Amino acid sequence: MALGVALGACGDGGACEEPMLRILAPEDRTILGVRDDADPAVPGIQHAVAVEACGLEAEEVVLWLEAPHVSPFARVRLDEQGFGEAVVPLPVGEAVVRARSEDREVASEAVTLLVTLR
């Protein structure tokens, strides 16, 4: 289950004026999921987080969650159109998600997601 929205002008693989990176989130920014307690050290919901990149040379970007008890890093491989996703454990409650290029020169805006149980 990926976080998907309608894509902007950069989503067609075209050129953009300056490098851009963003998290693709549902319009209401709410994620419904089933708790995955397989690893009690990382309580939360396993969910795919998708990113869109434009004007980056990198083949992958780094994703991190600004939340306690969550692994802060995941690598997201980008396809030829600049899209990619990684499955990460999201904490129940508010999760602040951000992506950045490896060289840290381009970062997405922070996106706050509300993670609730089904």
PDB file of N, CA and C in Angstrom:
ATOM      1  N   MET A   1       0.846  -1.177   0.000  1.00  0.00           N
ATOM      2  CA  MET A   1       0.000   0.000   0.000  1.00  0.00           C
ATOM      3  C   MET A   1       0.893   1.242   0.000  1.00  0.00           C
ATOM      4  N   ALA A   2       0.957   1.990  -1.049  1.00  0.00           N
ATOM      5  CA  ALA A   2       1.827   3.155  -1.120  1.00  0.00           C
ATOM      6  C   ALA A   2       1.047   4.422  -0.832  1.00  0.00           C
ATOM      7  N   LEU A   3       1.781   5.442  -0.464  1.00  0.00           N
ATOM      8  CA  LEU A   3       1.182   6.752  -0.279  1.00  0.00           C
ATOM      9  C   LEU A   3       1.140   7.393  -1.655  1.00  0.00           C
ATOM     10  N   GLY A   4      -0.034   7.613  -2.208  1.00  0.00           N
ATOM     11  CA  GLY A   4      -0.094   8.130  -3.566  1.00  0.00           C
ATOM     12  C   GLY A   4      -0.996   9.340  -3.688  1.00  0.00           C
ATOM     13  N   VAL A   5      -0.615  10.258  -4.530  1.00  0.00           N
ATOM     14  CA  VAL A   5      -1.425  11.432  -4.835  1.00  0.00           C
ATOM     15  C   VAL A   5      -1.277  11.724  -6.314  1.00  0.00           C
ATOM     16  N   ALA A   6      -2.079  12.645  -6.811  1.00  0.00           N
ATOM     17  CA  ALA A   6      -1.914  13.085  -8.193  1.00  0.00           C
ATOM     18  C   ALA A   6      -0.544  13.733  -8.328  1.00  0.00           C
ATOM     19  N   LEU A   7       0.137  13.464  -9.416  1.00  0.00           N
ATOM     20  CA  LEU A   7       1.495  13.937  -9.578  1.00  0.00           C
ATOM     21  C   LEU A   7       1.523  15.304 -10.226  1.00  0.00           C
ATOM     22  N   GLY A   8       2.544  16.076  -9.848  1.00  0.00           N
ATOM     23  CA  GLY A   8       2.707  17.400 -10.404  1.00  0.00           C
ATOM     24  C   GLY A   8       3.426  17.348 -11.735  1.00  0.00           C
ATOM     25  N   ALA A   9       3.863  18.502 -12.207  1.00  0.00           N
ATOM     26  CA  ALA A   9       4.514  18.594 -13.508  1.00  0.00           C
ATOM     27  C   ALA A   9       5.780  17.760 -13.571  1.00  0.00           C
ATOM     28  N   CYS A  10       6.435  17.576 -12.435  1.00  0.00           N
ATOM     29  CA  CYS A  10       7.676  16.810 -12.418  1.00  0.00           C
ATOM     30  C   CYS A  10       7.403  15.317 -12.539  1.00  0.00           C
ATOM     31  N   GLY A  11       6.196  14.879 -12.267  1.00  0.00           N
ATOM     32  CA  GLY A  11       5.869  13.467 -12.254  1.00  0.00           C
ATOM     33  C   GLY A  11       5.906  12.798 -13.609  1.00  0.00           C
ATOM     34  N   ASP A  12       5.979  13.565 -14.678  1.00  0.00           N
ATOM     35  CA  ASP A  12       5.998  12.952 -16.003  1.00  0.00           C
ATOM     36  C   ASP A  12       7.414  12.684 -16.491  1.00  0.00           C
ATOM     37  N   GLY A  13       8.392  12.846 -15.604  1.00  0.00           N
ATOM     38  CA  GLY A  13       9.776  12.597 -15.981  1.00  0.00           C
ATOM     39  C   GLY A  13      10.406  13.772 -16.706  1.00  0.00           C
ATOM     40  N   GLY A  14       9.693  14.883 -16.817  1.00  0.00           N
ATOM     41  CA  GLY A  14      10.217  16.053 -17.497  1.00  0.00           C
ATOM     42  C   GLY A  14      11.225  16.804 -16.651  1.00  0.00           C
ATOM     43  N   ALA A  15      11.802  17.823 -17.247  1.00  0.00           N
ATOM     44  CA  ALA A  15      12.796  18.624 -16.550  1.00  0.00           C
ATOM     45  C   ALA A  15      12.120  19.557 -15.555  1.00  0.00           C
ATOM     46  N   CYS A  16      12.872  19.944 -14.530  1.00  0.00           N
ATOM     47  CA  CYS A  16      12.347  20.920 -13.576  1.00  0.00           C
ATOM     48  C   CYS A  16      13.383  22.026 -13.430  1.00  0.00           C
ATOM     49  N   GLU A  17      12.939  23.181 -12.975  1.00  0.00           N
ATOM     50  CA  GLU A  17      13.821  24.341 -12.911  1.00  0.00           C
ATOM     51  C   GLU A  17      14.939  24.171 -11.895  1.00  0.00           C
ATOM     52  N   GLU A  18      14.648  23.544 -10.746  1.00  0.00           N
ATOM     53  CA  GLU A  18      15.680  23.279  -9.754  1.00  0.00           C
ATOM     54  C   GLU A  18      15.399  21.927  -9.107  1.00  0.00           C
ATOM     55  N   PRO A  19      16.424  21.278  -8.553  1.00  0.00           N
ATOM     56  CA  PRO A  19      16.214  19.956  -7.958  1.00  0.00           C
ATOM     57  C   PRO A  19      15.126  19.986  -6.889  1.00  0.00           C
ATOM     58  N   MET A  20      14.295  18.957  -6.869  1.00  0.00           N
ATOM     59  CA  MET A  20      13.150  18.899  -5.968  1.00  0.00           C
ATOM     60  C   MET A  20      12.983  17.475  -5.461  1.00  0.00           C
ATOM     61  N   LEU A  21      12.534  17.359  -4.225  1.00  0.00           N
ATOM     62  CA  LEU A  21      12.285  16.065  -3.606  1.00  0.00           C
ATOM     63  C   LEU A  21      11.080  16.225  -2.703  1.00  0.00           C
ATOM     64  N   ARG A  22      10.109  15.292  -2.807  1.00  0.00           N
ATOM     65  CA  ARG A  22       8.940  15.400  -1.940  1.00  0.00           C
ATOM     66  C   ARG A  22       8.398  14.025  -1.570  1.00  0.00           C
ATOM     67  N   ILE A  23       7.728  14.003  -0.432  1.00  0.00           N
ATOM     68  CA  ILE A  23       7.042  12.805   0.036  1.00  0.00           C
ATOM     69  C   ILE A  23       5.657  12.806  -0.593  1.00  0.00           C
ATOM     70  N   LEU A  24       5.233  11.676  -1.141  1.00  0.00           N
ATOM     71  CA  LEU A  24       3.882  11.562  -1.680  1.00  0.00           C
ATOM     72  C   LEU A  24       2.983  11.046  -0.561  1.00  0.00           C
ATOM     73  N   ALA A  25       2.016  11.848  -0.176  1.00  0.00           N
ATOM     74  CA  ALA A  25       1.154  11.510   0.962  1.00  0.00           C
ATOM     75  C   ALA A  25      -0.305  11.584   0.554  1.00  0.00           C
ATOM     76  N   PRO A  26      -1.177  10.848   1.255  1.00  0.00           N
ATOM     77  CA  PRO A  26      -2.607  10.980   0.968  1.00  0.00           C
ATOM     78  C   PRO A  26      -3.067  12.407   1.248  1.00  0.00           C
ATOM     79  N   GLU A  27      -4.108  12.848   0.561  1.00  0.00           N
ATOM     80  CA  GLU A  27      -4.566  14.228   0.723  1.00  0.00           C
ATOM     81  C   GLU A  27      -4.896  14.562   2.164  1.00  0.00           C
ATOM     82  N   ASP A  28      -5.533  13.625   2.884  1.00  0.00           N
ATOM     83  CA  ASP A  28      -5.863  13.918   4.279  1.00  0.00           C
ATOM     84  C   ASP A  28      -4.718  13.535   5.219  1.00  0.00           C
ATOM     85  N   ARG A  29      -3.632  13.005   4.660  1.00  0.00           N
ATOM     86  CA  ARG A  29      -2.424  12.634   5.397  1.00  0.00           C
ATOM     87  C   ARG A  29      -2.687  11.633   6.517  1.00  0.00           C
ATOM     88  N   THR A  30      -3.663  10.769   6.307  1.00  0.00           N
ATOM     89  CA  THR A  30      -3.979   9.732   7.288  1.00  0.00           C
ATOM     90  C   THR A  30      -3.630   8.367   6.715  1.00  0.00           C
ATOM     91  N   ILE A  31      -2.961   7.558   7.514  1.00  0.00           N
ATOM     92  CA  ILE A  31      -2.597   6.195   7.118  1.00  0.00           C
ATOM     93  C   ILE A  31      -3.348   5.236   8.019  1.00  0.00           C
ATOM     94  N   LEU A  32      -4.072   4.305   7.437  1.00  0.00           N
ATOM     95  CA  LEU A  32      -4.738   3.259   8.209  1.00  0.00           C
ATOM     96  C   LEU A  32      -3.933   1.986   8.043  1.00  0.00           C
ATOM     97  N   GLY A  33      -3.674   1.295   9.137  1.00  0.00           N
ATOM     98  CA  GLY A  33      -2.884   0.079   9.028  1.00  0.00           C
ATOM     99  C   GLY A  33      -3.162  -0.884  10.152  1.00  0.00           C
ATOM    100  N   VAL A  34      -2.522  -2.026  10.072  1.00  0.00           N
ATOM    101  CA  VAL A  34      -2.616  -3.054  11.100  1.00  0.00           C
ATOM    102  C   VAL A  34      -1.279  -3.087  11.820  1.00  0.00           C
ATOM    103  N   ARG A  35      -1.315  -3.084  13.141  1.00  0.00           N
ATOM    104  CA  ARG A  35      -0.081  -3.065  13.921  1.00  0.00           C
ATOM    105  C   ARG A  35       0.747  -4.311  13.624  1.00  0.00           C
ATOM    106  N   ASP A  36       2.041  -4.101  13.453  1.00  0.00           N
ATOM    107  CA  ASP A  36       2.969  -5.200  13.236  1.00  0.00           C
ATOM    108  C   ASP A  36       3.886  -5.282  14.449  1.00  0.00           C
ATOM    109  N   ASP A  37       3.609  -6.220  15.345  1.00  0.00           N
ATOM    110  CA  ASP A  37       4.396  -6.351  16.570  1.00  0.00           C
ATOM    111  C   ASP A  37       5.435  -7.457  16.463  1.00  0.00           C
ATOM    112  N   ALA A  38       5.851  -7.777  15.260  1.00  0.00           N
ATOM    113  CA  ALA A  38       6.854  -8.824  15.083  1.00  0.00           C
ATOM    114  C   ALA A  38       8.149  -8.448  15.795  1.00  0.00           C
ATOM    115  N   ASP A  39       8.492  -7.184  15.795  1.00  0.00           N
ATOM    116  CA  ASP A  39       9.683  -6.710  16.499  1.00  0.00           C
ATOM    117  C   ASP A  39       9.238  -5.742  17.581  1.00  0.00           C
ATOM    118  N   PRO A  40       9.183  -6.187  18.849  1.00  0.00           N
ATOM    119  CA  PRO A  40       8.686  -5.312  19.911  1.00  0.00           C
ATOM    120  C   PRO A  40       9.553  -4.079  20.130  1.00  0.00           C
ATOM    121  N   ALA A  41      10.793  -4.096  19.645  1.00  0.00           N
ATOM    122  CA  ALA A  41      11.651  -2.918  19.783  1.00  0.00           C
ATOM    123  C   ALA A  41      11.225  -1.811  18.826  1.00  0.00           C
ATOM    124  N   VAL A  42      10.449  -2.158  17.803  1.00  0.00           N
ATOM    125  CA  VAL A  42       9.995  -1.174  16.825  1.00  0.00           C
ATOM    126  C   VAL A  42       8.483  -1.285  16.689  1.00  0.00           C
ATOM    127  N   PRO A  43       7.733  -0.789  17.691  1.00  0.00           N
ATOM    128  CA  PRO A  43       6.279  -0.877  17.589  1.00  0.00           C
ATOM    129  C   PRO A  43       5.766   0.068  16.516  1.00  0.00           C
ATOM    130  N   GLY A  44       4.822  -0.383  15.735  1.00  0.00           N
ATOM    131  CA  GLY A  44       4.269   0.486  14.715  1.00  0.00           C
ATOM    132  C   GLY A  44       3.627  -0.297  13.600  1.00  0.00           C
ATOM    133  N   ILE A  45       3.405   0.382  12.507  1.00  0.00           N
ATOM    134  CA  ILE A  45       2.746  -0.185  11.338  1.00  0.00           C
ATOM    135  C   ILE A  45       3.748  -0.180  10.189  1.00  0.00           C
ATOM    136  N   GLN A  46       3.941  -1.322   9.558  1.00  0.00           N
ATOM    137  CA  GLN A  46       4.811  -1.378   8.384  1.00  0.00           C
ATOM    138  C   GLN A  46       4.034  -0.779   7.209  1.00  0.00           C
ATOM    139  N   HIS A  47       4.569   0.264   6.611  1.00  0.00           N
ATOM    140  CA  HIS A  47       3.854   0.918   5.523  1.00  0.00           C
ATOM    141  C   HIS A  47       4.841   1.468   4.512  1.00  0.00           C
ATOM    142  N   ALA A  48       4.464   1.456   3.241  1.00  0.00           N
ATOM    143  CA  ALA A  48       5.327   2.007   2.197  1.00  0.00           C
ATOM    144  C   ALA A  48       5.218   3.523   2.190  1.00  0.00           C
ATOM    145  N   VAL A  49       6.366   4.180   2.167  1.00  0.00           N
ATOM    146  CA  VAL A  49       6.427   5.630   2.019  1.00  0.00           C
ATOM    147  C   VAL A  49       7.048   5.911   0.657  1.00  0.00           C
ATOM    148  N   ALA A  50       6.357   6.693  -0.154  1.00  0.00           N
ATOM    149  CA  ALA A  50       6.801   6.964  -1.520  1.00  0.00           C
ATOM    150  C   ALA A  50       7.369   8.372  -1.635  1.00  0.00           C
ATOM    151  N   VAL A  51       8.354   8.520  -2.514  1.00  0.00           N
ATOM    152  CA  VAL A  51       8.955   9.820  -2.763  1.00  0.00           C
ATOM    153  C   VAL A  51       8.985  10.093  -4.262  1.00  0.00           C
ATOM    154  N   GLU A  52       9.025  11.375  -4.588  1.00  0.00           N
ATOM    155  CA  GLU A  52       9.176  11.829  -5.974  1.00  0.00           C
ATOM    156  C   GLU A  52      10.376  12.757  -6.016  1.00  0.00           C
ATOM    157  N   ALA A  53      11.266  12.546  -6.970  1.00  0.00           N
ATOM    158  CA  ALA A  53      12.442  13.389  -7.129  1.00  0.00           C
ATOM    159  C   ALA A  53      12.470  13.953  -8.536  1.00  0.00           C
ATOM    160  N   CYS A  54      13.048  15.126  -8.663  1.00  0.00           N
ATOM    161  CA  CYS A  54      13.178  15.765  -9.971  1.00  0.00           C
ATOM    162  C   CYS A  54      14.496  16.527 -10.000  1.00  0.00           C
ATOM    163  N   GLY A  55      15.254  16.348 -11.051  1.00  0.00           N
ATOM    164  CA  GLY A  55      16.497  17.094 -11.204  1.00  0.00           C
ATOM    165  C   GLY A  55      17.631  16.611 -10.325  1.00  0.00           C
ATOM    166  N   LEU A  56      17.533  15.386  -9.795  1.00  0.00           N
ATOM    167  CA  LEU A  56      18.608  14.827  -8.974  1.00  0.00           C
ATOM    168  C   LEU A  56      19.416  13.833  -9.799  1.00  0.00           C
ATOM    169  N   GLU A  57      20.712  13.798  -9.571  1.00  0.00           N
ATOM    170  CA  GLU A  57      21.567  12.818 -10.238  1.00  0.00           C
ATOM    171  C   GLU A  57      21.538  11.480  -9.501  1.00  0.00           C
ATOM    172  N   ALA A  58      21.129  11.488  -8.243  1.00  0.00           N
ATOM    173  CA  ALA A  58      21.206  10.302  -7.385  1.00  0.00           C
ATOM    174  C   ALA A  58      20.256   9.203  -7.836  1.00  0.00           C
ATOM    175  N   GLU A  59      20.657   7.949  -7.590  1.00  0.00           N
ATOM    176  CA  GLU A  59      19.800   6.800  -7.866  1.00  0.00           C
ATOM    177  C   GLU A  59      18.969   6.423  -6.652  1.00  0.00           C
ATOM    178  N   GLU A  60      19.317   6.974  -5.485  1.00  0.00           N
ATOM    179  CA  GLU A  60      18.529   6.722  -4.289  1.00  0.00           C
ATOM    180  C   GLU A  60      18.601   7.922  -3.366  1.00  0.00           C
ATOM    181  N   VAL A  61      17.624   8.016  -2.476  1.00  0.00           N
ATOM    182  CA  VAL A  61      17.582   9.075  -1.483  1.00  0.00           C
ATOM    183  C   VAL A  61      17.416   8.427  -0.113  1.00  0.00           C
ATOM    184  N   VAL A  62      17.645   9.210   0.926  1.00  0.00           N
ATOM    185  CA  VAL A  62      17.527   8.728   2.294  1.00  0.00           C
ATOM    186  C   VAL A  62      16.229   9.256   2.885  1.00  0.00           C
ATOM    187  N   LEU A  63      15.517   8.374   3.564  1.00  0.00           N
ATOM    188  CA  LEU A  63      14.250   8.727   4.205  1.00  0.00           C
ATOM    189  C   LEU A  63      14.456   8.651   5.706  1.00  0.00           C
ATOM    190  N   TRP A  64      13.893   9.605   6.460  1.00  0.00           N
ATOM    191  CA  TRP A  64      13.950   9.464   7.899  1.00  0.00           C
ATOM    192  C   TRP A  64      12.667   9.926   8.539  1.00  0.00           C
ATOM    193  N   LEU A  65      12.415   9.370   9.705  1.00  0.00           N
ATOM    194  CA  LEU A  65      11.213   9.662  10.473  1.00  0.00           C
ATOM    195  C   LEU A  65      11.622  10.378  11.748  1.00  0.00           C
ATOM    196  N   GLU A  66      11.036  11.529  11.993  1.00  0.00           N
ATOM    197  CA  GLU A  66      11.335  12.285  13.198  1.00  0.00           C
ATOM    198  C   GLU A  66      10.358  11.852  14.281  1.00  0.00           C
ATOM    199  N   ALA A  67      10.578  10.657  14.818  1.00  0.00           N
ATOM    200  CA  ALA A  67       9.675  10.098  15.824  1.00  0.00           C
ATOM    201  C   ALA A  67      10.472   9.150  16.711  1.00  0.00           C
ATOM    202  N   PRO A  68      10.082   9.001  17.977  1.00  0.00           N
ATOM    203  CA  PRO A  68      10.813   8.085  18.860  1.00  0.00           C
ATOM    204  C   PRO A  68      10.550   6.623  18.509  1.00  0.00           C
ATOM    205  N   HIS A  69      11.508   5.774  18.822  1.00  0.00           N
ATOM    206  CA  HIS A  69      11.396   4.320  18.671  1.00  0.00           C
ATOM    207  C   HIS A  69      11.231   3.875  17.224  1.00  0.00           C
ATOM    208  N   VAL A  70      11.648   4.676  16.288  1.00  0.00           N
ATOM    209  CA  VAL A  70      11.534   4.306  14.885  1.00  0.00           C
ATOM    210  C   VAL A  70      12.918   4.408  14.260  1.00  0.00           C
ATOM    211  N   SER A  71      13.258   3.426  13.466  1.00  0.00           N
ATOM    212  CA  SER A  71      14.538   3.467  12.774  1.00  0.00           C
ATOM    213  C   SER A  71      14.597   4.740  11.936  1.00  0.00           C
ATOM    214  N   PRO A  72      15.610   5.571  12.131  1.00  0.00           N
ATOM    215  CA  PRO A  72      15.601   6.880  11.471  1.00  0.00           C
ATOM    216  C   PRO A  72      15.926   6.871   9.985  1.00  0.00           C
ATOM    217  N   PHE A  73      16.487   5.796   9.458  1.00  0.00           N
ATOM    218  CA  PHE A  73      16.910   5.831   8.065  1.00  0.00           C
ATOM    219  C   PHE A  73      16.369   4.667   7.253  1.00  0.00           C
ATOM    220  N   ALA A  74      16.054   4.955   6.023  1.00  0.00           N
ATOM    221  CA  ALA A  74      15.736   3.933   5.029  1.00  0.00           C
ATOM    222  C   ALA A  74      16.234   4.481   3.701  1.00  0.00           C
ATOM    223  N   ARG A  75      16.698   3.611   2.859  1.00  0.00           N
ATOM    224  CA  ARG A  75      17.133   4.039   1.524  1.00  0.00           C
ATOM    225  C   ARG A  75      16.007   3.776   0.541  1.00  0.00           C
ATOM    226  N   VAL A  76      15.746   4.752  -0.300  1.00  0.00           N
ATOM    227  CA  VAL A  76      14.690   4.641  -1.301  1.00  0.00           C
ATOM    228  C   VAL A  76      15.351   4.697  -2.675  1.00  0.00           C
ATOM    229  N   ARG A  77      15.276   3.602  -3.421  1.00  0.00           N
ATOM    230  CA  ARG A  77      15.817   3.575  -4.783  1.00  0.00           C
ATOM    231  C   ARG A  77      14.833   4.257  -5.724  1.00  0.00           C
ATOM    232  N   LEU A  78      15.354   5.099  -6.595  1.00  0.00           N
ATOM    233  CA  LEU A  78      14.523   5.844  -7.534  1.00  0.00           C
ATOM    234  C   LEU A  78      14.541   5.165  -8.899  1.00  0.00           C
ATOM    235  N   ASP A  79      13.380   5.135  -9.558  1.00  0.00           N
ATOM    236  CA  ASP A  79      13.337   4.604 -10.920  1.00  0.00           C
ATOM    237  C   ASP A  79      13.703   5.712 -11.907  1.00  0.00           C
ATOM    238  N   GLU A  80      13.609   5.419 -13.196  1.00  0.00           N
ATOM    239  CA  GLU A  80      14.010   6.386 -14.228  1.00  0.00           C
ATOM    240  C   GLU A  80      13.179   7.662 -14.198  1.00  0.00           C
ATOM    241  N   GLN A  81      11.944   7.571 -13.712  1.00  0.00           N
ATOM    242  CA  GLN A  81      11.074   8.747 -13.640  1.00  0.00           C
ATOM    243  C   GLN A  81      11.242   9.517 -12.335  1.00  0.00           C
ATOM    244  N   GLY A  82      12.090   9.043 -11.430  1.00  0.00           N
ATOM    245  CA  GLY A  82      12.323   9.751 -10.178  1.00  0.00           C
ATOM    246  C   GLY A  82      11.389   9.350  -9.051  1.00  0.00           C
ATOM    247  N   PHE A  83      10.776   8.171  -9.148  1.00  0.00           N
ATOM    248  CA  PHE A  83       9.873   7.706  -8.094  1.00  0.00           C
ATOM    249  C   PHE A  83      10.473   6.502  -7.384  1.00  0.00           C
ATOM    250  N   GLY A  84      10.152   6.369  -6.109  1.00  0.00           N
ATOM    251  CA  GLY A  84      10.589   5.203  -5.359  1.00  0.00           C
ATOM    252  C   GLY A  84       9.813   5.103  -4.065  1.00  0.00           C
ATOM    253  N   GLU A  85       9.894   3.937  -3.413  1.00  0.00           N
ATOM    254  CA  GLU A  85       9.247   3.775  -2.123  1.00  0.00           C
ATOM    255  C   GLU A  85       9.996   2.749  -1.297  1.00  0.00           C
ATOM    256  N   ALA A  86       9.849   2.862   0.020  1.00  0.00           N
ATOM    257  CA  ALA A  86      10.448   1.910   0.951  1.00  0.00           C
ATOM    258  C   ALA A  86       9.430   1.616   2.033  1.00  0.00           C
ATOM    259  N   VAL A  87       9.409   0.367   2.493  1.00  0.00           N
ATOM    260  CA  VAL A  87       8.515  -0.002   3.584  1.00  0.00           C
ATOM    261  C   VAL A  87       9.247   0.255   4.892  1.00  0.00           C
ATOM    262  N   VAL A  88       8.640   1.071   5.727  1.00  0.00           N
ATOM    263  CA  VAL A  88       9.250   1.450   7.003  1.00  0.00           C
ATOM    264  C   VAL A  88       8.224   1.293   8.121  1.00  0.00           C
ATOM    265  N   PRO A  89       8.672   1.109   9.364  1.00  0.00           N
ATOM    266  CA  PRO A  89       7.734   1.058  10.479  1.00  0.00           C
ATOM    267  C   PRO A  89       7.319   2.468  10.885  1.00  0.00           C
ATOM    268  N   LEU A  90       6.038   2.763  10.797  1.00  0.00           N
ATOM    269  CA  LEU A  90       5.519   4.063  11.211  1.00  0.00           C
ATOM    270  C   LEU A  90       4.887   3.920  12.588  1.00  0.00           C
ATOM    271  N   PRO A  91       5.173   4.833  13.512  1.00  0.00           N
ATOM    272  CA  PRO A  91       4.568   4.744  14.837  1.00  0.00           C
ATOM    273  C   PRO A  91       3.095   5.110  14.778  1.00  0.00           C
ATOM    274  N   VAL A  92       2.297   4.505  15.641  1.00  0.00           N
ATOM    275  CA  VAL A  92       0.890   4.896  15.738  1.00  0.00           C
ATOM    276  C   VAL A  92       0.856   6.288  16.351  1.00  0.00           C
ATOM    277  N   GLY A  93       0.078   7.171  15.767  1.00  0.00           N
ATOM    278  CA  GLY A  93       0.036   8.568  16.196  1.00  0.00           C
ATOM    279  C   GLY A  93       0.596   9.435  15.088  1.00  0.00           C
ATOM    280  N   GLU A  94       1.244  10.536  15.460  1.00  0.00           N
ATOM    281  CA  GLU A  94       1.817  11.422  14.450  1.00  0.00           C
ATOM    282  C   GLU A  94       3.226  10.978  14.086  1.00  0.00           C
ATOM    283  N   ALA A  95       3.496  10.919  12.801  1.00  0.00           N
ATOM    284  CA  ALA A  95       4.837  10.603  12.304  1.00  0.00           C
ATOM    285  C   ALA A  95       5.248  11.720  11.352  1.00  0.00           C
ATOM    286  N   VAL A  96       6.398  12.308  11.596  1.00  0.00           N
ATOM    287  CA  VAL A  96       6.924  13.350  10.717  1.00  0.00           C
ATOM    288  C   VAL A  96       7.963  12.699   9.807  1.00  0.00           C
ATOM    289  N   VAL A  97       7.724  12.772   8.507  1.00  0.00           N
ATOM    290  CA  VAL A  97       8.556  12.078   7.518  1.00  0.00           C
ATOM    291  C   VAL A  97       9.248  13.117   6.641  1.00  0.00           C
ATOM    292  N   ARG A  98      10.518  12.855   6.330  1.00  0.00           N
ATOM    293  CA  ARG A  98      11.285  13.751   5.462  1.00  0.00           C
ATOM    294  C   ARG A  98      12.216  12.898   4.605  1.00  0.00           C
ATOM    295  N   ALA A  99      12.549  13.375   3.424  1.00  0.00           N
ATOM    296  CA  ALA A  99      13.509  12.686   2.560  1.00  0.00           C
ATOM    297  C   ALA A  99      14.602  13.678   2.178  1.00  0.00           C
ATOM    298  N   ARG A 100      15.786  13.149   1.869  1.00  0.00           N
ATOM    299  CA  ARG A 100      16.876  14.030   1.430  1.00  0.00           C
ATOM    300  C   ARG A 100      17.788  13.270   0.493  1.00  0.00           C
ATOM    301  N   SER A 101      18.499  14.009  -0.329  1.00  0.00           N
ATOM    302  CA  SER A 101      19.484  13.380  -1.200  1.00  0.00           C
ATOM    303  C   SER A 101      20.707  13.030  -0.361  1.00  0.00           C
ATOM    304  N   GLU A 102      21.496  12.079  -0.835  1.00  0.00           N
ATOM    305  CA  GLU A 102      22.659  11.616  -0.078  1.00  0.00           C
ATOM    306  C   GLU A 102      23.625  12.751   0.245  1.00  0.00           C
ATOM    307  N   ASP A 103      23.778  13.695  -0.670  1.00  0.00           N
ATOM    308  CA  ASP A 103      24.710  14.794  -0.430  1.00  0.00           C
ATOM    309  C   ASP A 103      24.104  15.884   0.454  1.00  0.00           C
ATOM    310  N   ARG A 104      22.855  15.698   0.866  1.00  0.00           N
ATOM    311  CA  ARG A 104      22.132  16.594   1.781  1.00  0.00           C
ATOM    312  C   ARG A 104      21.865  17.978   1.197  1.00  0.00           C
ATOM    313  N   GLU A 105      22.087  18.153  -0.085  1.00  0.00           N
ATOM    314  CA  GLU A 105      21.842  19.462  -0.675  1.00  0.00           C
ATOM    315  C   GLU A 105      20.374  19.683  -0.984  1.00  0.00           C
ATOM    316  N   VAL A 106      19.626  18.603  -1.204  1.00  0.00           N
ATOM    317  CA  VAL A 106      18.202  18.719  -1.502  1.00  0.00           C
ATOM    318  C   VAL A 106      17.434  17.902  -0.478  1.00  0.00           C
ATOM    319  N   ALA A 107      16.469  18.540   0.188  1.00  0.00           N
ATOM    320  CA  ALA A 107      15.630  17.838   1.167  1.00  0.00           C
ATOM    321  C   ALA A 107      14.177  18.183   0.905  1.00  0.00           C
ATOM    322  N   SER A 108      13.304  17.246   1.231  1.00  0.00           N
ATOM    323  CA  SER A 108      11.875  17.503   1.081  1.00  0.00           C
ATOM    324  C   SER A 108      11.381  18.301   2.275  1.00  0.00           C
ATOM    325  N   GLU A 109      10.194  18.860   2.134  1.00  0.00           N
ATOM    326  CA  GLU A 109       9.536  19.444   3.290  1.00  0.00           C
ATOM    327  C   GLU A 109       9.124  18.309   4.216  1.00  0.00           C
ATOM    328  N   ALA A 110       9.045  18.596   5.500  1.00  0.00           N
ATOM    329  CA  ALA A 110       8.572  17.587   6.446  1.00  0.00           C
ATOM    330  C   ALA A 110       7.076  17.391   6.239  1.00  0.00           C
ATOM    331  N   VAL A 111       6.637  16.135   6.243  1.00  0.00           N
ATOM    332  CA  VAL A 111       5.224  15.806   6.086  1.00  0.00           C
ATOM    333  C   VAL A 111       4.768  15.108   7.361  1.00  0.00           C
ATOM    334  N   THR A 112       3.714  15.623   7.991  1.00  0.00           N
ATOM    335  CA  THR A 112       3.174  14.993   9.189  1.00  0.00           C
ATOM    336  C   THR A 112       2.036  14.068   8.793  1.00  0.00           C
ATOM    337  N   LEU A 113       2.165  12.796   9.166  1.00  0.00           N
ATOM    338  CA  LEU A 113       1.148  11.791   8.875  1.00  0.00           C
ATOM    339  C   LEU A 113       0.472  11.379  10.177  1.00  0.00           C
ATOM    340  N   LEU A 114      -0.822  11.121  10.123  1.00  0.00           N
ATOM    341  CA  LEU A 114      -1.551  10.581  11.265  1.00  0.00           C
ATOM    342  C   LEU A 114      -1.728   9.092  11.008  1.00  0.00           C
ATOM    343  N   VAL A 115      -1.113   8.265  11.840  1.00  0.00           N
ATOM    344  CA  VAL A 115      -1.131   6.816  11.660  1.00  0.00           C
ATOM    345  C   VAL A 115      -2.104   6.220  12.672  1.00  0.00           C
ATOM    346  N   THR A 116      -3.150   5.560  12.180  1.00  0.00           N
ATOM    347  CA  THR A 116      -4.161   4.969  13.056  1.00  0.00           C
ATOM    348  C   THR A 116      -4.375   3.507  12.694  1.00  0.00           C
ATOM    349  N   LEU A 117      -4.936   2.755  13.642  1.00  0.00           N
ATOM    350  CA  LEU A 117      -5.216   1.341  13.417  1.00  0.00           C
ATOM    351  C   LEU A 117      -6.564   1.163  12.756  1.00  0.00           C
ATOM    352  N   ARG A 118      -6.671   0.135  11.919  1.00  0.00           N
ATOM    353  CA  ARG A 118      -7.952  -0.203  11.295  1.00  0.00           C
ATOM    354  C   ARG A 118      -8.844  -0.853  12.317  1.00  0.00           C
TER     355      ARG A 118
END
